[in-house]
Amino acid sequence: MPTPDVWAAAVLAATAAHVAFQLTVTVLVYPALAEVTAASWVEVHARHSRRIVPLVGLVYLAVLVTTSGSLVVRTGAANVVSAVASAVVLVLTACFAAPLHGRLTGERDPRLLRRLLHTDRLRSIFTVVAFSAALVAAFG
């Protein structure tokens, strides 16, 4: 079996961390957040945001740095697919999830919360694609 080069290994590690983080959010964190009552929403949502933002920043930075570096030195369809899928997640977060969280700061709005959960499921799909493509790029 061929061994991955340094960039492929770095992308694989970053996308593995990203998919683990994202699936945890989708399967555990957001469903629990969605069950919060309107009476305690402001406090719980604020606590969630304070706790998760540093982790999001760290994971996304790792994905961004490793993917960018890899694209400079590596070619191949799997590497590009992984990069594009990761970019889609970053765009979904910046353009949809983060603004939705901002709009949910003041009160629990079921319509906005449904949109957030939908956006989050899309992010999970694309993180799985990014990780799967990174596996192929590293070992394929």
Protein backbone atom coordinates (compact mmCIF):
# COMPACT_ATOMS: atom_id res chain seq x y z
CA MET A 1 0.00 0.00 0.00
CA PRO A 2 1.44 3.42 -0.90
CA THR A 3 2.15 5.80 1.95
CA PRO A 4 0.73 9.31 1.90
CA ASP A 5 3.05 12.25 1.49
CA VAL A 6 3.20 14.94 4.15
CA TRP A 7 0.53 17.18 2.60
CA ALA A 8 -1.84 14.29 1.95
CA ALA A 9 -1.37 13.15 5.55
CA ALA A 10 -1.96 16.68 6.84
CA VAL A 11 -5.17 17.05 4.82
CA LEU A 12 -6.29 13.62 5.94
CA ALA A 13 -5.70 14.51 9.60
CA ALA A 14 -7.47 17.87 9.26
CA THR A 15 -10.47 16.45 7.41
CA ALA A 16 -10.68 13.57 9.91
CA ALA A 17 -10.84 16.08 12.77
CA HIS A 18 -13.35 18.12 10.80
CA VAL A 19 -15.68 15.21 10.03
CA ALA A 20 -15.53 14.00 13.65
CA PHE A 21 -16.32 17.49 14.91
CA GLN A 22 -19.08 18.09 12.36
CA LEU A 23 -20.83 14.76 12.91
CA THR A 24 -20.73 15.34 16.67
CA VAL A 25 -22.41 18.70 16.16
CA THR A 26 -25.02 17.26 13.79
CA VAL A 27 -25.84 14.14 15.81
CA LEU A 28 -25.49 15.43 19.37
CA VAL A 29 -25.04 19.17 19.80
CA TYR A 30 -27.65 20.68 17.48
CA PRO A 31 -30.44 18.22 18.38
CA ALA A 32 -29.88 19.08 22.05
CA LEU A 33 -29.86 22.78 21.19
CA ALA A 34 -33.10 22.36 19.24
CA GLU A 35 -34.80 20.94 22.35
CA VAL A 36 -34.06 24.03 24.45
CA THR A 37 -37.20 25.87 25.49
CA ALA A 38 -37.87 29.47 24.55
CA ALA A 39 -37.55 30.45 28.23
CA SER A 40 -33.92 29.34 28.49
CA TRP A 41 -32.92 29.84 24.85
CA VAL A 42 -30.93 33.06 25.18
CA GLU A 43 -28.70 31.74 27.96
CA VAL A 44 -28.16 28.27 26.44
CA HIS A 45 -27.52 29.58 22.93
CA ALA A 46 -25.03 32.15 24.23
CA ARG A 47 -23.19 29.47 26.20
CA HIS A 48 -23.14 27.18 23.15
CA SER A 49 -21.73 29.97 20.97
CA ARG A 50 -19.00 30.90 23.45
CA ARG A 51 -17.88 27.30 23.77
CA ILE A 52 -17.98 26.21 20.15
CA VAL A 53 -16.49 29.22 18.34
CA PRO A 54 -12.86 28.57 19.39
CA LEU A 55 -13.12 24.94 18.31
CA VAL A 56 -14.71 25.89 14.99
CA GLY A 57 -11.89 28.36 14.39
CA LEU A 58 -9.21 25.80 15.15
CA VAL A 59 -10.71 23.04 13.00
CA TYR A 60 -11.47 25.34 10.07
CA LEU A 61 -8.00 26.88 10.22
CA ALA A 62 -6.42 23.42 10.10
CA VAL A 63 -8.55 22.47 7.10
CA LEU A 64 -7.85 25.76 5.33
CA VAL A 65 -4.08 25.66 5.85
CA THR A 66 -3.60 21.99 4.97
CA THR A 67 -5.92 22.07 2.00
CA SER A 68 -4.35 25.24 0.60
CA GLY A 69 -0.85 23.86 1.03
CA SER A 70 -1.83 20.58 -0.54
CA LEU A 71 -3.34 22.26 -3.59
CA VAL A 72 -0.08 24.10 -4.19
CA VAL A 73 2.01 20.92 -4.36
CA ARG A 74 -0.41 18.14 -5.28
CA THR A 75 -2.55 17.40 -8.29
CA GLY A 76 -5.23 14.83 -8.67
CA ALA A 77 -8.98 14.67 -8.74
CA ALA A 78 -9.38 13.33 -5.21
CA ASN A 79 -7.33 16.18 -3.76
CA VAL A 80 -9.42 18.72 -5.67
CA VAL A 81 -12.70 17.05 -4.63
CA SER A 82 -11.60 17.14 -0.99
CA ALA A 83 -10.67 20.81 -1.29
CA VAL A 84 -13.92 21.78 -3.00
CA ALA A 85 -16.02 19.87 -0.45
CA SER A 86 -14.18 21.57 2.41
CA ALA A 87 -14.65 24.95 0.72
CA VAL A 88 -18.39 24.28 0.45
CA VAL A 89 -18.51 23.67 4.21
CA LEU A 90 -16.67 26.91 4.91
CA VAL A 91 -19.05 28.83 2.62
CA LEU A 92 -22.12 27.19 4.20
CA THR A 93 -20.82 28.19 7.61
CA ALA A 94 -19.89 31.76 6.69
CA CYS A 95 -22.94 32.52 4.55
CA PHE A 96 -25.67 30.56 6.31
CA ALA A 97 -24.89 28.95 9.68
CA ALA A 98 -23.06 31.88 11.28
CA PRO A 99 -25.67 34.47 10.21
CA LEU A 100 -28.46 32.16 11.40
CA HIS A 101 -26.77 31.86 14.78
CA GLY A 102 -26.55 35.64 14.86
CA ARG A 103 -30.26 35.95 14.17
CA LEU A 104 -31.02 33.34 16.84
CA THR A 105 -29.15 35.28 19.54
CA GLY A 106 -32.18 37.25 20.71
CA GLU A 107 -34.89 34.61 20.71
CA ARG A 108 -35.69 31.05 19.73
CA ASP A 109 -37.26 31.14 16.28
CA PRO A 110 -38.36 27.66 15.14
CA ARG A 111 -38.16 28.62 11.46
CA LEU A 112 -34.58 29.86 11.76
CA LEU A 113 -33.65 26.87 13.88
CA ARG A 114 -34.97 24.49 11.17
CA ARG A 115 -32.87 26.35 8.58
CA LEU A 116 -29.82 26.03 10.82
CA LEU A 117 -30.36 22.28 11.26
CA HIS A 118 -30.79 21.86 7.49
CA THR A 119 -27.60 23.83 6.80
CA ASP A 120 -25.80 21.75 9.39
CA ARG A 121 -26.83 18.49 7.72
CA LEU A 122 -25.45 19.80 4.43
CA ARG A 123 -22.18 20.61 6.18
CA SER A 124 -22.02 17.04 7.48
CA ILE A 125 -22.52 15.61 4.00
CA PHE A 126 -19.73 17.75 2.58
CA THR A 127 -17.33 16.97 5.43
CA VAL A 128 -17.84 13.26 4.78
CA VAL A 129 -17.13 13.86 1.09
CA ALA A 130 -14.00 15.88 1.93
CA PHE A 131 -12.68 13.21 4.27
CA SER A 132 -13.49 10.36 1.86
CA ALA A 133 -11.72 12.16 -0.98
CA ALA A 134 -8.75 12.89 1.31
CA LEU A 135 -8.51 9.16 2.02
CA VAL A 136 -8.43 8.43 -1.70
CA ALA A 137 -5.86 11.19 -2.27
CA ALA A 138 -3.65 9.81 0.48
CA PHE A 139 -3.89 6.10 -0.25
CA GLY A 140 -5.50 5.74 -3.68
